[in-house]
Amino acid sequence: MMMRMLCKAVAVALMTASASGTAQDAAVKPFTPEQIKKGASLYATNCESCHGVRMMGPPWGSDLTTFPRDNRARFVDSVAHGKNTMPPWGDVLSPEDIAALWTYVVAGEPKN
């Protein structure tokens, strides 16, 4: 009985580890140049006035170069619903637009 419970626990642990490994692999997948370009364009039009050129903005806008790259959900929520003095953009930007902005924030500016 005890051995059966131990085997089940090990099986569950292995399945969980395997599933999280797959999720991590998907999260690491590189963005396409088209996604980054779309995000850069949306950023220039909608975000640059507060967050600054190259995401390093004036004191009243968050420096997006320091935004946690492992917290997409927080980014999407902040953009869609607003945060502190930032207004909500969910009625202006589509979920695809917000995803493109995330791509740009994570990928950053090209290094020249």
Protein backbone atom coordinates (compact mmCIF):
# COMPACT_ATOMS: atom_id res chain seq x y z
CA MET A 1 0.00 0.00 0.00
CA MET A 2 2.75 2.43 0.97
CA MET A 3 4.76 1.56 -2.15
CA ARG A 4 1.72 2.23 -4.37
CA MET A 5 1.22 5.66 -2.80
CA LEU A 6 4.91 6.46 -3.28
CA CYS A 7 4.74 5.43 -6.95
CA LYS A 8 1.69 7.65 -7.51
CA ALA A 9 3.42 10.60 -5.85
CA VAL A 10 6.50 10.15 -8.02
CA ALA A 11 4.35 9.87 -11.16
CA VAL A 12 2.47 13.08 -10.32
CA ALA A 13 5.74 14.89 -9.61
CA LEU A 14 7.21 13.78 -12.94
CA MET A 15 4.10 14.83 -14.86
CA THR A 16 4.13 18.24 -13.16
CA ALA A 17 7.81 18.76 -13.89
CA SER A 18 7.31 17.73 -17.51
CA ALA A 19 4.34 20.09 -17.96
CA SER A 20 6.19 23.05 -16.45
CA GLY A 21 9.19 22.31 -18.65
CA THR A 22 6.98 22.51 -21.71
CA ALA A 23 5.49 25.80 -20.54
CA GLN A 24 8.94 27.23 -19.96
CA ASP A 25 10.07 26.16 -23.42
CA ALA A 26 7.08 27.96 -24.96
CA ALA A 27 7.84 31.09 -22.94
CA VAL A 28 11.45 31.10 -24.14
CA LYS A 29 10.47 30.92 -27.82
CA PRO A 30 11.98 33.96 -29.57
CA PHE A 31 9.73 36.64 -30.98
CA THR A 32 9.54 37.23 -34.72
CA PRO A 33 10.87 40.49 -36.18
CA GLU A 34 7.31 41.27 -37.33
CA GLN A 35 5.96 41.00 -33.77
CA ILE A 36 8.68 43.27 -32.43
CA LYS A 37 8.15 45.80 -35.25
CA LYS A 38 4.39 45.91 -34.60
CA GLY A 39 5.01 46.38 -30.87
CA ALA A 40 7.56 49.13 -31.53
CA SER A 41 5.07 50.95 -33.76
CA LEU A 42 2.27 50.67 -31.20
CA TYR A 43 4.67 51.81 -28.48
CA ALA A 44 5.73 54.89 -30.47
CA THR A 45 2.11 55.83 -31.10
CA ASN A 46 0.58 55.10 -27.70
CA CYS A 47 3.24 54.81 -25.00
CA GLU A 48 6.28 56.87 -25.87
CA SER A 49 4.86 60.18 -24.67
CA CYS A 50 4.80 58.90 -21.08
CA HIS A 51 7.34 56.07 -21.03
CA GLY A 52 9.92 57.80 -23.21
CA VAL A 53 11.98 56.95 -26.23
CA ARG A 54 13.49 53.47 -25.94
CA MET A 55 11.29 52.80 -22.86
CA MET A 56 13.40 54.98 -20.54
CA GLY A 57 10.99 57.69 -19.73
CA PRO A 58 10.62 60.83 -17.74
CA PRO A 59 10.08 60.62 -13.96
CA TRP A 60 6.30 60.32 -14.26
CA GLY A 61 6.43 57.20 -16.45
CA SER A 62 7.76 53.80 -15.46
CA ASP A 63 11.10 52.76 -16.92
CA LEU A 64 9.92 49.76 -18.91
CA THR A 65 13.46 48.47 -19.41
CA THR A 66 13.22 47.29 -15.80
CA PHE A 67 9.78 45.66 -16.07
CA PRO A 68 9.97 42.01 -14.90
CA ARG A 69 10.23 39.87 -18.03
CA ASP A 70 8.61 36.94 -16.25
CA ASN A 71 5.38 38.78 -15.43
CA ARG A 72 3.38 39.04 -18.64
CA ALA A 73 0.06 38.85 -16.77
CA ARG A 74 0.95 41.94 -14.71
CA PHE A 75 1.89 43.83 -17.88
CA VAL A 76 -1.33 42.90 -19.67
CA ASP A 77 -3.44 43.81 -16.63
CA SER A 78 -1.66 47.15 -16.18
CA VAL A 79 -2.07 48.12 -19.84
CA ALA A 80 -5.66 46.92 -20.16
CA HIS A 81 -6.96 48.27 -16.85
CA GLY A 82 -4.51 51.05 -15.99
CA LYS A 83 -2.21 51.39 -13.01
CA ASN A 84 -1.62 54.32 -10.68
CA THR A 85 -1.72 57.39 -12.96
CA MET A 86 -1.69 55.37 -16.21
CA PRO A 87 -5.14 55.22 -17.79
CA PRO A 88 -6.64 51.95 -19.02
CA TRP A 89 -5.93 51.11 -22.66
CA GLY A 90 -8.17 48.04 -22.95
CA ASP A 91 -10.79 49.98 -24.94
CA VAL A 92 -8.16 51.39 -27.31
CA LEU A 93 -5.80 48.45 -27.82
CA SER A 94 -6.87 44.95 -28.78
CA PRO A 95 -5.50 41.92 -26.92
CA GLU A 96 -3.28 41.32 -29.97
CA ASP A 97 -1.96 44.89 -29.73
CA ILE A 98 -1.19 44.45 -26.04
CA ALA A 99 0.58 41.17 -26.84
CA ALA A 100 2.67 43.00 -29.47
CA LEU A 101 3.57 45.67 -26.91
CA TRP A 102 4.67 42.94 -24.51
CA THR A 103 6.85 41.50 -27.27
CA TYR A 104 8.50 44.88 -27.76
CA VAL A 105 9.04 45.42 -24.03
CA VAL A 106 10.57 41.97 -23.57
CA ALA A 107 12.66 42.04 -26.77
CA GLY A 108 13.80 45.58 -26.11
CA GLU A 109 15.40 47.96 -28.54
CA PRO A 110 17.80 46.59 -31.11
CA LYS A 111 21.41 47.15 -30.12
CA ASN A 112 23.21 49.38 -32.66
